[in-house]
Amino acid sequence: MKCPYCAHADTAVVDSRESEEQDAIRRRRSCQKCEKRFTTFERIQGIELKVIKKDGEREDFDREKLKRGVVKATWKRPVSMSDIEDLLDDVERKLRCKQGNEVKSWEIGNLVINRLKKVDPLSYLLFASVYRDFNSLEDFAEEISKIHTLQEERDLEIETEKKAHKEASKNQTKSTESNN
């Protein structure tokens, strides 16, 4: 493995561990020449999958290409590379479970969008604007409105859960007091 700092070929593995999903091995390496450390990941070589593009053209699934798109959408946002890798792992896992070896590009885009929506709404909007070919401010306004509605529904759901938990706690306290 070449050192990304000095391109020296002699590096040593300092630490290895499996990812939580046990689908990759993370290795910390040290360069024998410049002594800098870096991380590599060993994972199953991609999936034998053809992506059918909008124009009907077929190309091999490229995790790195997808990663570049997600990284652009999350640039200067509070989304870590670990979050991005988790998102990509999840998308790739779902694609592996599909029947057949071809998938439409919009299916991959939807998988990414659904995950990004949960991770960071603004990153989701940035990715969606490219993926869904936003052409006007109205397209953005419509999507922002959908995000607000979704957020309000989530907030209401959380508030309802909190009230139910508080009520259950109160009932348990009353039950305990009456038993004493």
Protein backbone atom coordinates (compact mmCIF):
# COMPACT_ATOMS: atom_id res chain seq x y z
CA MET A 1 0.00 0.00 0.00
CA LYS A 2 1.54 3.31 -1.08
CA CYS A 3 1.71 6.15 1.45
CA PRO A 4 -0.67 8.96 0.39
CA TYR A 5 1.83 11.54 1.71
CA CYS A 6 5.16 10.50 0.21
CA ALA A 7 4.17 7.63 -2.16
CA HIS A 8 6.61 5.26 -0.46
CA ALA A 9 5.54 1.64 -0.94
CA ASP A 10 6.66 0.31 2.45
CA THR A 11 3.90 0.76 5.05
CA ALA A 12 2.98 -1.21 8.15
CA VAL A 13 -0.42 -2.03 9.60
CA VAL A 14 -0.64 -0.58 13.13
CA ASP A 15 -4.22 -1.56 13.95
CA SER A 16 -7.05 -3.53 12.27
CA ARG A 17 -10.68 -3.84 13.23
CA GLU A 18 -13.95 -4.85 11.62
CA SER A 19 -16.67 -2.32 10.97
CA GLU A 20 -19.85 -2.59 13.04
CA GLU A 21 -21.69 -4.21 10.11
CA GLN A 22 -18.76 -6.61 9.62
CA ASP A 23 -18.64 -5.75 5.94
CA ALA A 24 -15.29 -3.95 5.96
CA ILE A 25 -11.96 -3.94 7.77
CA ARG A 26 -10.50 -0.61 8.88
CA ARG A 27 -6.70 -0.56 8.98
CA ARG A 28 -4.49 2.15 10.50
CA ARG A 29 -1.18 2.19 8.67
CA SER A 30 2.15 3.89 9.22
CA CYS A 31 4.61 4.83 6.50
CA GLN A 32 8.09 3.41 7.10
CA LYS A 33 9.70 6.42 5.39
CA CYS A 34 7.85 9.60 6.51
CA GLU A 35 6.21 7.93 9.57
CA LYS A 36 2.83 9.56 8.90
CA ARG A 37 -0.30 7.53 9.62
CA PHE A 38 -3.33 6.97 7.44
CA THR A 39 -6.45 4.81 7.33
CA THR A 40 -7.49 2.31 4.68
CA PHE A 41 -10.62 0.22 4.33
CA GLU A 42 -10.80 -3.28 2.96
CA ARG A 43 -14.24 -4.27 1.71
CA ILE A 44 -15.84 -6.65 -0.72
CA GLN A 45 -15.10 -5.47 -4.23
CA GLY A 46 -18.18 -3.54 -5.36
CA ILE A 47 -21.26 -5.20 -6.60
CA GLU A 48 -21.65 -6.52 -10.09
CA LEU A 49 -24.39 -4.10 -10.95
CA LYS A 50 -25.25 -2.14 -14.07
CA VAL A 51 -26.85 1.26 -13.69
CA ILE A 52 -29.40 2.22 -16.33
CA LYS A 53 -29.09 5.97 -16.86
CA LYS A 54 -31.90 8.32 -17.94
CA ASP A 55 -30.84 8.10 -21.60
CA GLY A 56 -30.88 4.26 -21.46
CA GLU A 57 -27.09 3.94 -21.41
CA ARG A 58 -25.71 1.31 -19.03
CA GLU A 59 -22.61 1.69 -16.90
CA ASP A 60 -21.04 -0.16 -13.99
CA PHE A 61 -22.13 0.89 -10.50
CA ASP A 62 -19.40 3.16 -9.13
CA ARG A 63 -19.43 3.69 -5.36
CA GLU A 64 -16.77 6.41 -5.62
CA LYS A 65 -18.84 8.37 -8.14
CA LEU A 66 -21.83 8.20 -5.81
CA LYS A 67 -19.60 9.21 -2.90
CA ARG A 68 -18.38 12.29 -4.80
CA GLY A 69 -22.00 13.40 -5.34
CA VAL A 70 -22.87 12.94 -1.67
CA VAL A 71 -19.68 14.70 -0.55
CA LYS A 72 -20.55 17.69 -2.78
CA ALA A 73 -24.06 17.86 -1.29
CA THR A 74 -22.74 17.69 2.27
CA TRP A 75 -19.83 20.11 1.74
CA LYS A 76 -19.47 22.46 4.74
CA ARG A 77 -22.43 20.77 6.43
CA PRO A 78 -22.37 18.96 9.81
CA VAL A 79 -22.09 15.56 8.11
CA SER A 80 -18.99 13.47 8.85
CA MET A 81 -17.20 11.17 6.42
CA SER A 82 -18.31 8.37 8.73
CA ASP A 83 -21.96 9.40 8.16
CA ILE A 84 -21.34 9.43 4.40
CA GLU A 85 -19.70 5.98 4.49
CA ASP A 86 -22.63 4.63 6.55
CA LEU A 87 -25.07 6.09 4.02
CA LEU A 88 -23.16 4.54 1.10
CA ASP A 89 -22.91 1.18 2.92
CA ASP A 90 -26.67 1.22 3.47
CA VAL A 91 -27.39 2.08 -0.18
CA GLU A 92 -24.98 -0.60 -1.40
CA ARG A 93 -26.49 -3.19 0.98
CA LYS A 94 -30.00 -2.43 -0.33
CA LEU A 95 -28.78 -2.69 -3.92
CA ARG A 96 -27.16 -6.08 -3.22
CA CYS A 97 -30.52 -7.37 -1.95
CA LYS A 98 -32.26 -6.53 -5.23
CA GLN A 99 -33.18 -9.22 -7.70
CA GLY A 100 -31.22 -9.00 -10.92
CA ASN A 101 -28.06 -7.09 -11.71
CA GLU A 102 -29.47 -3.90 -13.21
CA VAL A 103 -30.88 -0.87 -11.42
CA LYS A 104 -32.22 2.42 -12.70
CA SER A 105 -30.25 5.51 -11.69
CA TRP A 106 -33.38 7.08 -10.16
CA GLU A 107 -33.65 4.12 -7.75
CA ILE A 108 -30.13 4.78 -6.46
CA GLY A 109 -30.92 8.50 -6.22
CA ASN A 110 -34.06 7.79 -4.17
CA LEU A 111 -32.11 5.58 -1.76
CA VAL A 112 -29.56 8.36 -1.24
CA ILE A 113 -32.22 11.07 -0.92
CA ASN A 114 -34.20 9.13 1.68
CA ARG A 115 -31.09 8.66 3.83
CA LEU A 116 -29.85 12.25 3.37
CA LYS A 117 -33.26 13.60 4.37
CA LYS A 118 -32.75 12.01 7.80
CA VAL A 119 -29.08 13.01 8.13
CA ASP A 120 -29.25 16.69 7.09
CA PRO A 121 -32.21 18.41 5.38
CA LEU A 122 -30.07 21.02 3.62
CA SER A 123 -27.73 18.38 2.20
CA TYR A 124 -30.80 16.51 1.05
CA LEU A 125 -32.07 19.65 -0.70
CA LEU A 126 -28.72 20.22 -2.42
CA PHE A 127 -28.53 16.60 -3.62
CA ALA A 128 -32.19 16.64 -4.70
CA SER A 129 -31.71 19.87 -6.67
CA VAL A 130 -29.17 18.17 -8.93
CA TYR A 131 -30.75 14.73 -8.93
CA ARG A 132 -34.26 16.00 -9.70
CA ASP A 133 -33.12 18.76 -12.08
CA PHE A 134 -34.52 21.76 -10.23
CA ASN A 135 -34.96 24.55 -12.77
CA SER A 136 -36.55 27.35 -10.77
CA LEU A 137 -36.95 28.87 -7.34
CA GLU A 138 -40.44 27.38 -7.28
CA ASP A 139 -38.90 23.88 -7.42
CA PHE A 140 -36.82 24.74 -4.34
CA ALA A 141 -39.78 26.34 -2.56
CA GLU A 142 -41.95 23.28 -3.17
CA GLU A 143 -39.27 20.93 -1.83
CA ILE A 144 -38.63 23.17 1.20
CA SER A 145 -42.36 23.13 1.93
CA LYS A 146 -42.30 19.32 1.88
CA ILE A 147 -39.32 19.32 4.28
CA HIS A 148 -41.14 21.67 6.67
CA THR A 149 -44.25 19.48 6.63
CA LEU A 150 -42.18 16.38 7.29
CA GLN A 151 -40.31 18.11 10.14
CA GLU A 152 -43.59 19.28 11.72
CA GLU A 153 -44.92 15.70 11.56
CA ARG A 154 -41.74 14.37 13.21
CA ASP A 155 -41.88 17.06 15.92
CA LEU A 156 -45.52 16.20 16.65
CA GLU A 157 -44.65 12.50 16.81
CA ILE A 158 -41.79 13.18 19.26
CA GLU A 159 -44.00 15.41 21.42
CA THR A 160 -46.71 12.72 21.52
CA GLU A 161 -44.13 10.10 22.55
CA LYS A 162 -42.81 12.38 25.30
CA LYS A 163 -46.33 12.96 26.67
CA ALA A 164 -47.07 9.23 26.62
CA HIS A 165 -43.79 8.49 28.41
CA LYS A 166 -44.45 11.19 31.00
CA GLU A 167 -47.99 9.86 31.61
CA ALA A 168 -46.71 6.28 31.96
CA SER A 169 -44.08 7.48 34.44
CA LYS A 170 -46.70 9.37 36.43
CA ASN A 171 -48.97 6.29 36.54
CA GLN A 172 -46.10 4.07 37.64
CA THR A 173 -45.25 6.50 40.47
CA LYS A 174 -48.90 6.52 41.64
CA SER A 175 -49.00 2.72 41.51
CA THR A 176 -45.79 2.45 43.56
CA GLU A 177 -47.07 4.97 46.15
CA SER A 178 -50.39 3.14 46.56
CA ASN A 179 -48.61 -0.21 47.08
CA ASN A 180 -46.54 1.26 49.94
